[in-house]
Amino acid sequence: MVSRMAAQLRPQDGFTYIGLLVAVVILGLMLTVVGRVWTTTEQREREIQLLFVGHEFRAAIGGYFAHGRRFPQTLQDLLGDPDSPLPQRYLRRLYVDPMTGTTDWQLIPAPGGGFMGVASTSKLKPIKHANFDPNDDSFADRSVDCYCNWQFVFVPRNIHRNNSPAAHNPH
C-alpha cells in the first residue's frame, strides 16, 4: 500500500508547497519593513508636534513672566491669571505631550520658585538630531538620549542661560 502511494506522488508535487512557504516568508519580511517605516514616520510626526507644543509652552511662560515678573507655579496658571483684573490667558488649553499621550509634563524649576520650562517625560530616543530652531540648539547634541532632555525653557534676559536649571540637566 505504501508503494502504491509513493508511486502516485510525482516529484513536482512539493514545489507548490515550498513556493507558498517562500511567498509567505517574503510577505512577512515586507510587512516588517513597512511596519518599521510606519513607526519611524509616526515618531517623526510626534517630534514635530512636541517641538510645536514646547514652543507654545515657552511662549506662554514668557508671557506670564512678562505680565507679572514671576514664573507660574502650576500649568493651570498658564490658562488664566487669577490675580489679573482682566482675564489673561497664556494658553488656550493644556497641551498633551505627543510622546506620552498625557499632560504629565516635567516642570523645569525656576530660581525663586515656580517653573521656567517643560519637558516631556518620554524615555524614547529622538530621531531628529539637527536643524533645530536657535532656541533649541541644545537638542542637537548627539548625547541627548531621550525626549525628556528636550527642555523648552523661557530664560528672561536678566538670567543667564549658564546659571539656569535647564543648563544643568539633572538627567
C-alpha atoms as a PDB file:
ATOM      1  CA  MET A   1       0.000   0.000   0.000  1.00  0.00           C
ATOM      2  CA  VAL A   2       2.860   2.378   0.808  1.00  0.00           C
ATOM      3  CA  SER A   3       4.454   1.630  -2.500  1.00  0.00           C
ATOM      4  CA  ARG A   4       1.210   2.450  -4.283  1.00  0.00           C
ATOM      5  CA  MET A   5       1.099   5.947  -2.588  1.00  0.00           C
ATOM      6  CA  ALA A   6       4.722   6.558  -3.397  1.00  0.00           C
ATOM      7  CA  ALA A   7       4.026   5.682  -6.962  1.00  0.00           C
ATOM      8  CA  GLN A   8       1.207   8.235  -7.128  1.00  0.00           C
ATOM      9  CA  LEU A   9       3.366  11.145  -5.849  1.00  0.00           C
ATOM     10  CA  ARG A  10       5.233  12.967  -8.518  1.00  0.00           C
ATOM     11  CA  PRO A  11       8.482  14.910  -7.926  1.00  0.00           C
ATOM     12  CA  GLN A  12       6.847  18.309  -8.709  1.00  0.00           C
ATOM     13  CA  ASP A  13       4.053  17.923  -6.096  1.00  0.00           C
ATOM     14  CA  GLY A  14       6.156  19.508  -3.287  1.00  0.00           C
ATOM     15  CA  PHE A  15       7.192  22.583  -5.269  1.00  0.00           C
ATOM     16  CA  THR A  16       3.816  24.314  -4.866  1.00  0.00           C
ATOM     17  CA  TYR A  17       4.018  23.948  -1.078  1.00  0.00           C
ATOM     18  CA  ILE A  18       7.608  25.239  -0.992  1.00  0.00           C
ATOM     19  CA  GLY A  19       6.659  28.138  -3.287  1.00  0.00           C
ATOM     20  CA  LEU A  20       3.792  29.050  -0.991  1.00  0.00           C
ATOM     21  CA  LEU A  21       6.113  28.983   2.063  1.00  0.00           C
ATOM     22  CA  VAL A  22       8.631  31.239   0.296  1.00  0.00           C
ATOM     23  CA  ALA A  23       5.837  33.678  -0.637  1.00  0.00           C
ATOM     24  CA  VAL A  24       4.642  33.817   2.998  1.00  0.00           C
ATOM     25  CA  VAL A  25       8.204  34.475   4.238  1.00  0.00           C
ATOM     26  CA  ILE A  26       8.708  37.276   1.678  1.00  0.00           C
ATOM     27  CA  LEU A  27       5.342  38.808   2.589  1.00  0.00           C
ATOM     28  CA  GLY A  28       6.293  38.687   6.293  1.00  0.00           C
ATOM     29  CA  LEU A  29       9.605  40.425   5.624  1.00  0.00           C
ATOM     30  CA  MET A  30       7.901  43.128   3.558  1.00  0.00           C
ATOM     31  CA  LEU A  31       5.324  43.743   6.291  1.00  0.00           C
ATOM     32  CA  THR A  32       8.132  44.058   8.853  1.00  0.00           C
ATOM     33  CA  VAL A  33       9.856  46.717   6.736  1.00  0.00           C
ATOM     34  CA  VAL A  34       6.563  48.578   6.199  1.00  0.00           C
ATOM     35  CA  GLY A  35       5.905  48.455   9.959  1.00  0.00           C
ATOM     36  CA  ARG A  36       9.305  49.941  10.752  1.00  0.00           C
ATOM     37  CA  VAL A  37       8.856  52.723   8.200  1.00  0.00           C
ATOM     38  CA  TRP A  38       5.383  53.457   9.589  1.00  0.00           C
ATOM     39  CA  THR A  39       6.675  53.585  13.170  1.00  0.00           C
ATOM     40  CA  THR A  40       9.543  55.895  12.231  1.00  0.00           C
ATOM     41  CA  THR A  41       7.227  58.198  10.281  1.00  0.00           C
ATOM     42  CA  GLU A  42       4.801  58.324  13.190  1.00  0.00           C
ATOM     43  CA  GLN A  43       7.622  59.143  15.643  1.00  0.00           C
ATOM     44  CA  ARG A  44       8.870  61.941  13.378  1.00  0.00           C
ATOM     45  CA  GLU A  45       5.347  63.410  13.279  1.00  0.00           C
ATOM     46  CA  ARG A  46       5.151  63.286  17.073  1.00  0.00           C
ATOM     47  CA  GLU A  47       8.576  65.012  17.263  1.00  0.00           C
ATOM     48  CA  ILE A  48       7.221  67.860  15.126  1.00  0.00           C
ATOM     49  CA  GLN A  49       4.191  68.120  17.416  1.00  0.00           C
ATOM     50  CA  LEU A  50       6.425  68.076  20.511  1.00  0.00           C
ATOM     51  CA  LEU A  51       8.507  70.952  19.127  1.00  0.00           C
ATOM     52  CA  PHE A  52       5.358  72.970  18.376  1.00  0.00           C
ATOM     53  CA  VAL A  53       3.823  72.330  21.798  1.00  0.00           C
ATOM     54  CA  GLY A  54       7.133  73.045  23.552  1.00  0.00           C
ATOM     55  CA  HIS A  55       7.410  76.383  21.776  1.00  0.00           C
ATOM     56  CA  GLU A  56       3.834  77.211  22.802  1.00  0.00           C
ATOM     57  CA  PHE A  57       4.648  76.452  26.442  1.00  0.00           C
ATOM     58  CA  ARG A  58       7.847  78.521  26.259  1.00  0.00           C
ATOM     59  CA  ALA A  59       5.932  81.487  24.797  1.00  0.00           C
ATOM     60  CA  ALA A  60       3.164  81.128  27.410  1.00  0.00           C
ATOM     61  CA  ILE A  61       5.685  81.083  30.267  1.00  0.00           C
ATOM     62  CA  GLY A  62       7.355  84.143  28.733  1.00  0.00           C
ATOM     63  CA  GLY A  63       4.017  85.949  28.526  1.00  0.00           C
ATOM     64  CA  TYR A  64       3.188  85.051  32.114  1.00  0.00           C
ATOM     65  CA  PHE A  65       6.603  86.242  33.279  1.00  0.00           C
ATOM     66  CA  ALA A  66       6.333  89.493  31.287  1.00  0.00           C
ATOM     67  CA  HIS A  67       2.922  90.213  32.800  1.00  0.00           C
ATOM     68  CA  GLY A  68       3.833  89.658  36.457  1.00  0.00           C
ATOM     69  CA  ARG A  69       7.654  89.419  36.586  1.00  0.00           C
ATOM     70  CA  ARG A  70       7.351  85.997  38.189  1.00  0.00           C
ATOM     71  CA  PHE A  71       7.172  82.440  36.957  1.00  0.00           C
ATOM     72  CA  PRO A  72       3.974  80.355  37.029  1.00  0.00           C
ATOM     73  CA  GLN A  73       3.562  77.925  39.911  1.00  0.00           C
ATOM     74  CA  THR A  74       1.435  75.357  38.040  1.00  0.00           C
ATOM     75  CA  LEU A  75       0.471  74.590  34.464  1.00  0.00           C
ATOM     76  CA  GLN A  76      -3.047  75.788  35.334  1.00  0.00           C
ATOM     77  CA  ASP A  77      -1.633  79.299  35.864  1.00  0.00           C
ATOM     78  CA  LEU A  78      -0.963  79.483  32.125  1.00  0.00           C
ATOM     79  CA  LEU A  79      -4.677  79.015  31.393  1.00  0.00           C
ATOM     80  CA  GLY A  80      -5.621  82.179  33.259  1.00  0.00           C
ATOM     81  CA  ASP A  81      -4.088  84.564  35.749  1.00  0.00           C
ATOM     82  CA  PRO A  82      -6.393  84.758  38.798  1.00  0.00           C
ATOM     83  CA  ASP A  83      -4.628  87.906  40.058  1.00  0.00           C
ATOM     84  CA  SER A  84      -5.312  89.869  36.901  1.00  0.00           C
ATOM     85  CA  PRO A  85      -8.304  92.274  36.876  1.00  0.00           C
ATOM     86  CA  LEU A  86      -8.888  91.360  33.242  1.00  0.00           C
ATOM     87  CA  PRO A  87      -8.819  87.704  32.226  1.00  0.00           C
ATOM     88  CA  GLN A  88      -5.351  86.994  30.882  1.00  0.00           C
ATOM     89  CA  ARG A  89      -4.841  83.674  29.104  1.00  0.00           C
ATOM     90  CA  TYR A  90      -1.411  82.466  28.049  1.00  0.00           C
ATOM     91  CA  LEU A  91      -2.552  79.079  26.714  1.00  0.00           C
ATOM     92  CA  ARG A  92      -5.983  78.125  25.411  1.00  0.00           C
ATOM     93  CA  ARG A  93      -5.643  74.629  26.841  1.00  0.00           C
ATOM     94  CA  LEU A  94      -3.064  72.346  28.407  1.00  0.00           C
ATOM     95  CA  TYR A  95      -1.414  70.503  25.578  1.00  0.00           C
ATOM     96  CA  VAL A  96      -0.971  66.756  25.654  1.00  0.00           C
ATOM     97  CA  ASP A  97       2.599  65.504  25.393  1.00  0.00           C
ATOM     98  CA  PRO A  98       2.661  63.918  21.926  1.00  0.00           C
ATOM     99  CA  MET A  99       5.223  61.360  23.060  1.00  0.00           C
ATOM    100  CA  THR A 100       3.305  60.053  26.077  1.00  0.00           C
ATOM    101  CA  GLY A 101      -0.281  60.994  25.221  1.00  0.00           C
ATOM    102  CA  THR A 102      -0.746  62.599  28.655  1.00  0.00           C
ATOM    103  CA  THR A 103      -0.331  66.011  30.286  1.00  0.00           C
ATOM    104  CA  ASP A 104       2.291  64.762  32.761  1.00  0.00           C
ATOM    105  CA  TRP A 105       4.924  67.289  31.742  1.00  0.00           C
ATOM    106  CA  GLN A 106       8.176  67.512  33.660  1.00  0.00           C
ATOM    107  CA  LEU A 107       8.367  71.048  35.065  1.00  0.00           C
ATOM    108  CA  ILE A 108      11.785  72.751  34.999  1.00  0.00           C
ATOM    109  CA  PRO A 109      12.161  74.682  38.266  1.00  0.00           C
ATOM    110  CA  ALA A 110      12.853  78.404  38.167  1.00  0.00           C
ATOM    111  CA  PRO A 111      15.144  80.253  40.556  1.00  0.00           C
ATOM    112  CA  GLY A 112      12.983  81.708  43.281  1.00  0.00           C
ATOM    113  CA  GLY A 113      10.084  79.299  42.783  1.00  0.00           C
ATOM    114  CA  GLY A 114       7.692  78.271  40.080  1.00  0.00           C
ATOM    115  CA  PHE A 115       8.784  76.734  36.822  1.00  0.00           C
ATOM    116  CA  MET A 116      10.517  78.190  33.799  1.00  0.00           C
ATOM    117  CA  GLY A 117      10.024  75.385  31.310  1.00  0.00           C
ATOM    118  CA  VAL A 118       8.614  71.995  30.479  1.00  0.00           C
ATOM    119  CA  ALA A 119       9.981  68.742  29.120  1.00  0.00           C
ATOM    120  CA  SER A 120       8.415  65.502  28.000  1.00  0.00           C
ATOM    121  CA  THR A 121       8.583  62.552  30.369  1.00  0.00           C
ATOM    122  CA  SER A 122       9.160  60.165  27.457  1.00  0.00           C
ATOM    123  CA  LYS A 123      12.274  57.986  27.604  1.00  0.00           C
ATOM    124  CA  LEU A 124      12.225  57.308  23.828  1.00  0.00           C
ATOM    125  CA  LYS A 125      15.383  58.157  21.894  1.00  0.00           C
ATOM    126  CA  PRO A 126      14.904  61.095  19.487  1.00  0.00           C
ATOM    127  CA  ILE A 127      15.276  60.593  15.763  1.00  0.00           C
ATOM    128  CA  LYS A 128      15.941  64.261  14.995  1.00  0.00           C
ATOM    129  CA  HIS A 129      19.452  65.483  15.854  1.00  0.00           C
ATOM    130  CA  ALA A 130      19.916  68.560  13.653  1.00  0.00           C
ATOM    131  CA  ASN A 131      18.264  71.637  12.123  1.00  0.00           C
ATOM    132  CA  PHE A 132      16.578  72.933  15.267  1.00  0.00           C
ATOM    133  CA  ASP A 133      15.405  76.484  15.970  1.00  0.00           C
ATOM    134  CA  PRO A 134      18.113  78.644  17.548  1.00  0.00           C
ATOM    135  CA  ASN A 135      16.288  78.421  20.914  1.00  0.00           C
ATOM    136  CA  ASP A 136      16.533  74.639  20.712  1.00  0.00           C
ATOM    137  CA  ASP A 137      20.208  74.305  19.735  1.00  0.00           C
ATOM    138  CA  SER A 138      20.916  72.168  22.795  1.00  0.00           C
ATOM    139  CA  PHE A 139      18.668  69.432  21.352  1.00  0.00           C
ATOM    140  CA  ALA A 140      21.185  68.884  18.527  1.00  0.00           C
ATOM    141  CA  ASP A 141      23.667  67.260  20.882  1.00  0.00           C
ATOM    142  CA  ARG A 142      24.063  63.575  19.956  1.00  0.00           C
ATOM    143  CA  SER A 143      24.311  62.688  23.642  1.00  0.00           C
ATOM    144  CA  VAL A 144      20.622  63.594  24.120  1.00  0.00           C
ATOM    145  CA  ASP A 145      19.291  60.129  24.755  1.00  0.00           C
ATOM    146  CA  CYS A 146      15.589  60.793  25.392  1.00  0.00           C
ATOM    147  CA  TYR A 147      12.867  63.334  24.731  1.00  0.00           C
ATOM    148  CA  CYS A 148      12.941  64.113  28.453  1.00  0.00           C
ATOM    149  CA  ASN A 149      16.138  66.074  27.718  1.00  0.00           C
ATOM    150  CA  TRP A 150      14.376  68.347  25.219  1.00  0.00           C
ATOM    151  CA  GLN A 151      13.704  71.154  27.693  1.00  0.00           C
ATOM    152  CA  PHE A 152      11.590  74.078  26.490  1.00  0.00           C
ATOM    153  CA  VAL A 153      12.760  76.795  28.869  1.00  0.00           C
ATOM    154  CA  PHE A 154      11.961  80.501  28.965  1.00  0.00           C
ATOM    155  CA  VAL A 155      15.009  82.429  30.176  1.00  0.00           C
ATOM    156  CA  PRO A 156      14.458  86.135  30.919  1.00  0.00           C
ATOM    157  CA  ARG A 157      17.173  88.453  29.726  1.00  0.00           C
ATOM    158  CA  ASN A 158      18.393  89.128  33.270  1.00  0.00           C
ATOM    159  CA  ILE A 159      19.014  85.411  33.953  1.00  0.00           C
ATOM    160  CA  HIS A 160      21.959  83.914  32.115  1.00  0.00           C
ATOM    161  CA  ARG A 161      21.385  80.565  30.434  1.00  0.00           C
ATOM    162  CA  ASN A 162      24.504  79.021  32.019  1.00  0.00           C
ATOM    163  CA  ASN A 163      23.134  79.645  35.515  1.00  0.00           C
ATOM    164  CA  SER A 164      19.643  78.316  34.801  1.00  0.00           C
ATOM    165  CA  PRO A 165      18.457  74.897  35.981  1.00  0.00           C
ATOM    166  CA  ALA A 166      17.974  73.941  32.330  1.00  0.00           C
ATOM    167  CA  ALA A 167      21.688  74.296  31.708  1.00  0.00           C
ATOM    168  CA  HIS A 168      22.368  71.801  34.475  1.00  0.00           C
ATOM    169  CA  ASN A 169      20.212  68.923  33.359  1.00  0.00           C
ATOM    170  CA  PRO A 170      19.525  66.545  36.258  1.00  0.00           C
ATOM    171  CA  HIS A 171      19.241  63.535  33.943  1.00  0.00           C
END
